[in-house]
Structure formats: structure tokens, C-alpha cells
Amino acid sequence: MQKINTFLWFDDQAEEAAEFYTSVFGNSRVLDVQHYGDTGPGKPGSVMLVTFELEGQSFMALNGGPEFPFTEAVSLYVDCVSQEEVDDLWAKLTAGGGSEGSCGWLKDKYGLSWQIVPRALTELLRDPDSEKAGRAMQAMLGMKKIDIPALRHAAGE
């Protein structure tokens, strides 16, 4: 087990969410499902905790009830190598009730925030030509899903 894990609190969809996330990302799998016992606090036999991996990173998902919904204060950042990867992940993660945000951010159908970021954006924003980097930043600020060709055009490439 990795020393530090991302721990996600769900109302009652932990197993469903883990199965969804592992279907979206390659190199991913559900590792363990634990159930509530007779002492609760959940209904005996219902799913309590799901441990899963996404691209080799370990996550834990708890069915803890509705007290603590997700907010944008925490998001999962995904480094994408191509526009095709951005498009694919964007479509899958917004499907079924997810929503688009600004600047490459989205919420999935469970309310978890994701940043779907092409590596090209990071490279453009780090460009030593500050005017070029600034043009890329301005273009990105007007986007929902990041569009690499539009970024490159705005930057003057």
C-alpha cells in the first residue's frame, strides 16, 4: 500500500464510482471492497470502503453519507499527452450528469472535480517568451475543455 492515499467521501456510491473510474482510465482496477458489519454505522452488509487504483495511483472511497459533498477545493489533475486523450477523458467524465467548468476543469456525475490538462498547455505557459505564454494563458481562460490547436494558434505557433 502506498504511504499516502487519496481518500474520497461519497454518500452511498463508492463502489459504483470506483467501477466507473476504473473503466475510464487504463492500468486501473478495484483492489478491495469492505462491508459494514453489525456495529455499523452503515447498514450491515452494505459497502463501506472501496480501494482502487487509477493509472497505478491508489485511492480509497468511503460510503460515509451525505454530510460532506465534494467541492472544487480538491480536484484530480490529469496530465494528458494529446488532444485525443483530452477529448476522450472529457467526454467520459462529463457523461451521465457531469458538468463542464472553465479552464480544463469539470465535475463528474458524482461531483468530484477533475482538471483535464494537456501537457502542451503547461509547456506553453512555461515558454521563456512571456508574451507567447501570456497569449496562451488568455486563450485558456476563455476555454472550457482545453483545445491544443487553438492554444498554439493564440500563442503564435
Protein backbone atom coordinates (compact mmCIF):
# COMPACT_ATOMS: atom_id res chain seq x y z
CA MET A 1 0.00 0.00 0.00
CA GLN A 2 1.30 3.45 -0.82
CA LYS A 3 2.01 5.58 2.25
CA ILE A 4 -0.30 8.47 1.30
CA ASN A 5 -3.64 7.76 -0.40
CA THR A 6 -6.37 9.98 -1.73
CA PHE A 7 -9.47 9.29 0.37
CA LEU A 8 -12.83 10.19 -1.20
CA TRP A 9 -16.06 10.50 0.79
CA PHE A 10 -19.21 9.50 -1.08
CA ASP A 11 -22.81 9.40 0.13
CA ASP A 12 -23.50 5.82 -0.98
CA GLN A 13 -21.92 5.48 -4.44
CA ALA A 14 -18.32 4.48 -3.56
CA GLU A 15 -18.37 1.13 -5.35
CA GLU A 16 -20.24 2.49 -8.39
CA ALA A 17 -17.78 5.41 -8.62
CA ALA A 18 -14.73 3.15 -8.29
CA GLU A 19 -16.05 0.90 -11.06
CA PHE A 20 -16.73 3.95 -13.22
CA TYR A 21 -13.29 5.48 -12.67
CA THR A 22 -11.51 2.19 -13.35
CA SER A 23 -13.44 1.90 -16.63
CA VAL A 24 -12.31 5.39 -17.71
CA PHE A 25 -8.57 5.05 -17.06
CA GLY A 26 -6.20 2.34 -18.26
CA ASN A 27 -3.95 0.49 -15.82
CA SER A 28 -6.74 0.67 -13.25
CA ARG A 29 -8.55 -1.82 -11.04
CA VAL A 30 -10.65 -2.27 -7.94
CA LEU A 31 -8.44 -3.81 -5.26
CA ASP A 32 -10.75 -4.40 -2.32
CA VAL A 33 -14.34 -3.89 -1.17
CA GLN A 34 -15.12 -3.86 2.56
CA HIS A 35 -18.63 -4.03 4.00
CA TYR A 36 -20.21 -2.62 7.13
CA GLY A 37 -20.66 -5.14 9.91
CA ASP A 38 -23.35 -5.38 12.58
CA THR A 39 -21.84 -2.49 14.55
CA GLY A 40 -22.39 0.00 11.69
CA PRO A 41 -22.58 2.86 11.31
CA GLY A 42 -23.80 1.81 7.85
CA LYS A 43 -26.40 -0.85 7.12
CA PRO A 44 -24.89 -4.29 7.84
CA GLY A 45 -23.60 -5.85 4.62
CA SER A 46 -23.60 -2.59 2.63
CA VAL A 47 -20.38 -1.35 1.05
CA MET A 48 -18.26 0.68 3.45
CA LEU A 49 -14.89 1.18 1.73
CA VAL A 50 -13.54 0.53 -1.76
CA THR A 51 -9.83 0.59 -2.51
CA PHE A 52 -8.90 1.06 -6.16
CA GLU A 53 -6.07 2.15 -8.44
CA LEU A 54 -6.13 4.60 -11.32
CA GLU A 55 -3.03 4.52 -13.51
CA GLY A 56 -1.18 2.89 -10.62
CA GLN A 57 -2.22 5.51 -8.02
CA SER A 58 -4.16 4.22 -5.02
CA PHE A 59 -7.49 5.71 -3.90
CA MET A 60 -9.95 4.86 -1.15
CA ALA A 61 -13.68 5.57 -1.44
CA LEU A 62 -15.92 5.59 1.63
CA ASN A 63 -19.69 5.41 1.75
CA GLY A 64 -19.98 7.88 4.60
CA GLY A 65 -23.33 9.54 4.00
CA PRO A 66 -24.36 12.94 2.65
CA GLU A 67 -22.63 15.11 5.27
CA PHE A 68 -19.55 16.01 3.19
CA PRO A 69 -20.07 16.65 -0.53
CA PHE A 70 -17.15 17.30 -2.86
CA THR A 71 -16.06 20.88 -3.64
CA GLU A 72 -13.62 22.40 -6.11
CA ALA A 73 -11.19 22.90 -3.21
CA VAL A 74 -9.85 19.45 -4.13
CA SER A 75 -9.51 18.16 -7.69
CA LEU A 76 -7.74 15.37 -9.52
CA TYR A 77 -5.25 16.67 -12.10
CA VAL A 78 -4.76 14.52 -15.20
CA ASP A 79 -1.71 15.12 -17.39
CA CYS A 80 -2.78 14.41 -20.99
CA VAL A 81 -0.34 13.83 -23.83
CA SER A 82 -2.70 14.62 -26.74
CA GLN A 83 -5.91 16.33 -27.78
CA GLU A 84 -7.42 12.89 -28.35
CA GLU A 85 -6.78 11.97 -24.71
CA VAL A 86 -8.26 15.28 -23.52
CA ASP A 87 -11.35 14.75 -25.69
CA ASP A 88 -11.80 11.13 -24.59
CA LEU A 89 -11.48 11.81 -20.86
CA TRP A 90 -13.63 14.94 -21.08
CA ALA A 91 -16.43 13.02 -22.77
CA LYS A 92 -16.28 10.08 -20.37
CA LEU A 93 -16.01 12.11 -17.16
CA THR A 94 -18.82 14.55 -18.05
CA ALA A 95 -21.15 11.76 -19.26
CA GLY A 96 -24.23 10.83 -17.28
CA GLY A 97 -24.64 14.06 -15.36
CA GLY A 98 -21.16 15.58 -15.16
CA SER A 99 -20.64 19.24 -15.94
CA GLU A 100 -18.07 21.37 -17.73
CA GLY A 101 -16.18 24.04 -15.86
CA SER A 102 -13.70 26.64 -17.04
CA CYS A 103 -10.03 26.25 -17.97
CA GLY A 104 -9.99 22.46 -18.26
CA TRP A 105 -11.96 21.77 -15.06
CA LEU A 106 -15.02 19.54 -14.91
CA LYS A 107 -17.17 17.76 -12.38
CA ASP A 108 -18.11 14.14 -12.90
CA LYS A 109 -21.56 12.73 -12.16
CA TYR A 110 -20.54 12.17 -8.51
CA GLY A 111 -19.49 15.80 -8.04
CA LEU A 112 -15.73 15.14 -7.97
CA SER A 113 -13.67 17.85 -9.69
CA TRP A 114 -11.09 16.97 -12.31
CA GLN A 115 -8.55 19.04 -14.23
CA ILE A 116 -8.02 17.57 -17.70
CA VAL A 117 -4.86 19.32 -18.81
CA PRO A 118 -2.83 18.73 -21.96
CA ARG A 119 0.92 18.78 -21.45
CA ALA A 120 1.07 21.30 -24.33
CA LEU A 121 -0.68 23.89 -22.11
CA THR A 122 1.93 23.52 -19.38
CA GLU A 123 4.71 23.81 -21.96
CA LEU A 124 3.18 26.95 -23.50
CA LEU A 125 2.68 28.60 -20.11
CA ARG A 126 6.35 27.92 -19.26
CA ASP A 127 7.62 29.36 -22.54
CA PRO A 128 10.52 31.80 -21.93
CA ASP A 129 8.77 34.25 -24.26
CA SER A 130 6.42 35.86 -21.74
CA GLU A 131 4.22 37.39 -24.46
CA LYS A 132 3.70 33.98 -26.06
CA ALA A 133 2.94 32.44 -22.66
CA GLY A 134 0.53 35.31 -21.94
CA ARG A 135 -1.36 34.76 -25.20
CA ALA A 136 -1.68 31.06 -24.37
CA MET A 137 -2.97 31.96 -20.89
CA GLN A 138 -5.55 34.38 -22.30
CA ALA A 139 -6.77 31.73 -24.75
CA MET A 140 -7.01 29.11 -21.99
CA LEU A 141 -9.03 31.45 -19.77
CA GLY A 142 -11.76 31.53 -22.43
CA MET A 143 -11.99 27.76 -22.77
CA LYS A 144 -13.90 25.02 -21.03
CA LYS A 145 -12.26 21.89 -22.48
CA ILE A 146 -8.70 22.77 -23.47
CA ASP A 147 -8.15 22.95 -27.23
CA ILE A 148 -4.46 22.44 -28.08
CA PRO A 149 -4.62 23.74 -31.70
CA ALA A 150 -6.43 26.89 -30.52
CA LEU A 151 -3.82 27.40 -27.79
CA ARG A 152 -0.96 27.02 -30.26
CA HIS A 153 -2.64 29.42 -32.68
CA ALA A 154 -3.20 32.02 -29.95
CA ALA A 155 0.41 31.67 -28.81
CA GLY A 156 1.59 32.34 -32.36
CA GLU A 157 2.90 28.88 -33.23
